[in-house]
C-alpha atoms as a PDB file:
ATOM      1  CA  UNK A   1       0.000   0.000   0.000  1.00  0.00           C
ATOM      2  CA  UNK A   2       2.869   2.388   0.760  1.00  0.00           C
ATOM      3  CA  UNK A   3       4.200   1.949  -2.785  1.00  0.00           C
ATOM      4  CA  UNK A   4       0.828   3.009  -4.217  1.00  0.00           C
ATOM      5  CA  UNK A   5       0.857   6.166  -2.078  1.00  0.00           C
ATOM      6  CA  UNK A   6       4.182   7.160  -3.614  1.00  0.00           C
ATOM      7  CA  UNK A   7       2.671   7.062  -7.091  1.00  0.00           C
ATOM      8  CA  UNK A   8      -0.452   8.973  -6.031  1.00  0.00           C
ATOM      9  CA  UNK A   9       1.428  11.888  -4.475  1.00  0.00           C
ATOM     10  CA  UNK A  10       1.283  15.114  -6.400  1.00  0.00           C
ATOM     11  CA  UNK A  11       4.395  16.391  -8.000  1.00  0.00           C
ATOM     12  CA  UNK A  12       5.554  19.637  -6.429  1.00  0.00           C
ATOM     13  CA  UNK A  13       5.254  22.744  -8.589  1.00  0.00           C
ATOM     14  CA  UNK A  14       7.569  25.742  -8.825  1.00  0.00           C
ATOM     15  CA  UNK A  15       6.246  29.277  -8.289  1.00  0.00           C
ATOM     16  CA  UNK A  16       7.768  32.754  -8.542  1.00  0.00           C
ATOM     17  CA  UNK A  17       6.369  35.777  -6.694  1.00  0.00           C
ATOM     18  CA  UNK A  18       6.442  39.000  -8.697  1.00  0.00           C
ATOM     19  CA  UNK A  19       6.420  42.591  -7.456  1.00  0.00           C
ATOM     20  CA  UNK A  20       4.388  45.405  -9.030  1.00  0.00           C
ATOM     21  CA  UNK A  21       7.024  45.906 -11.740  1.00  0.00           C
ATOM     22  CA  UNK A  22       6.962  42.190 -12.657  1.00  0.00           C
ATOM     23  CA  UNK A  23      10.348  41.443 -11.074  1.00  0.00           C
ATOM     24  CA  UNK A  24      10.899  38.181  -9.198  1.00  0.00           C
ATOM     25  CA  UNK A  25      11.118  38.597  -5.417  1.00  0.00           C
ATOM     26  CA  UNK A  26      10.748  34.971  -4.252  1.00  0.00           C
ATOM     27  CA  UNK A  27      10.852  31.376  -5.518  1.00  0.00           C
ATOM     28  CA  UNK A  28       9.058  28.444  -3.899  1.00  0.00           C
ATOM     29  CA  UNK A  29       8.367  24.781  -4.620  1.00  0.00           C
ATOM     30  CA  UNK A  30       4.876  23.882  -3.360  1.00  0.00           C
ATOM     31  CA  UNK A  31       2.174  21.220  -3.633  1.00  0.00           C
ATOM     32  CA  UNK A  32      -0.459  23.773  -4.649  1.00  0.00           C
ATOM     33  CA  UNK A  33      -0.515  27.401  -5.826  1.00  0.00           C
ATOM     34  CA  UNK A  34      -0.168  30.096  -3.143  1.00  0.00           C
ATOM     35  CA  UNK A  35      -3.494  31.553  -1.969  1.00  0.00           C
ATOM     36  CA  UNK A  36      -2.533  35.233  -2.099  1.00  0.00           C
ATOM     37  CA  UNK A  37       0.012  37.461  -3.778  1.00  0.00           C
ATOM     38  CA  UNK A  38       1.192  37.835  -7.350  1.00  0.00           C
ATOM     39  CA  UNK A  39       2.513  34.325  -8.060  1.00  0.00           C
ATOM     40  CA  UNK A  40       3.155  32.640 -11.410  1.00  0.00           C
ATOM     41  CA  UNK A  41       4.077  29.043 -12.111  1.00  0.00           C
ATOM     42  CA  UNK A  42       7.546  28.445 -13.562  1.00  0.00           C
ATOM     43  CA  UNK A  43       9.316  25.367 -14.915  1.00  0.00           C
ATOM     44  CA  UNK A  44      12.235  25.506 -12.479  1.00  0.00           C
ATOM     45  CA  UNK A  45      13.705  27.437  -9.570  1.00  0.00           C
ATOM     46  CA  UNK A  46      16.594  29.629 -10.679  1.00  0.00           C
ATOM     47  CA  UNK A  47      18.020  31.948  -7.992  1.00  0.00           C
ATOM     48  CA  UNK A  48      19.519  34.245 -10.665  1.00  0.00           C
ATOM     49  CA  UNK A  49      15.965  35.428 -11.510  1.00  0.00           C
ATOM     50  CA  UNK A  50      15.494  37.138  -8.125  1.00  0.00           C
ATOM     51  CA  UNK A  51      15.590  40.899  -8.502  1.00  0.00           C
ATOM     52  CA  UNK A  52      14.821  40.951 -12.213  1.00  0.00           C
ATOM     53  CA  UNK A  53      12.095  40.077 -14.714  1.00  0.00           C
ATOM     54  CA  UNK A  54      11.465  36.417 -15.460  1.00  0.00           C
ATOM     55  CA  UNK A  55      12.664  35.165 -18.852  1.00  0.00           C
ATOM     56  CA  UNK A  56       9.810  34.183 -21.187  1.00  0.00           C
ATOM     57  CA  UNK A  57      10.936  30.534 -21.280  1.00  0.00           C
ATOM     58  CA  UNK A  58      10.579  30.251 -17.492  1.00  0.00           C
ATOM     59  CA  UNK A  59       6.796  30.602 -17.387  1.00  0.00           C
ATOM     60  CA  UNK A  60       4.539  27.573 -17.643  1.00  0.00           C
ATOM     61  CA  UNK A  61       2.491  27.899 -20.863  1.00  0.00           C
ATOM     62  CA  UNK A  62      -0.840  28.569 -19.137  1.00  0.00           C
ATOM     63  CA  UNK A  63       0.658  31.460 -17.163  1.00  0.00           C
ATOM     64  CA  UNK A  64       2.362  32.905 -20.241  1.00  0.00           C
ATOM     65  CA  UNK A  65      -0.969  33.088 -22.078  1.00  0.00           C
ATOM     66  CA  UNK A  66      -2.681  34.713 -19.092  1.00  0.00           C
ATOM     67  CA  UNK A  67      -0.020  37.428 -18.756  1.00  0.00           C
ATOM     68  CA  UNK A  68       0.023  38.221 -22.468  1.00  0.00           C
ATOM     69  CA  UNK A  69      -3.726  38.718 -22.423  1.00  0.00           C
ATOM     70  CA  UNK A  70      -4.604  36.521 -25.382  1.00  0.00           C
ATOM     71  CA  UNK A  71      -8.071  37.174 -26.670  1.00  0.00           C
ATOM     72  CA  UNK A  72     -10.385  35.213 -28.892  1.00  0.00           C
ATOM     73  CA  UNK A  73     -10.541  36.640 -32.377  1.00  0.00           C
ATOM     74  CA  UNK A  74     -13.671  36.828 -34.432  1.00  0.00           C
ATOM     75  CA  UNK A  75     -13.585  34.874 -37.647  1.00  0.00           C
END
């Protein structure tokens, strides 16, 4: 039974907290998204990002679309 629990456990996700300018101020690896604050999901934790803007490749695809403000276009 213990072996099955290992497979059922959620994989931890990486998150970056951004300030008002969009610069990274904190990095965390968590089981679920933080409840408050300006957090985005990233692919990895890279300490060099702290204090500056996140590179485009760092954001998980869903977050990148949300920040860019994609809109549906009329056909």
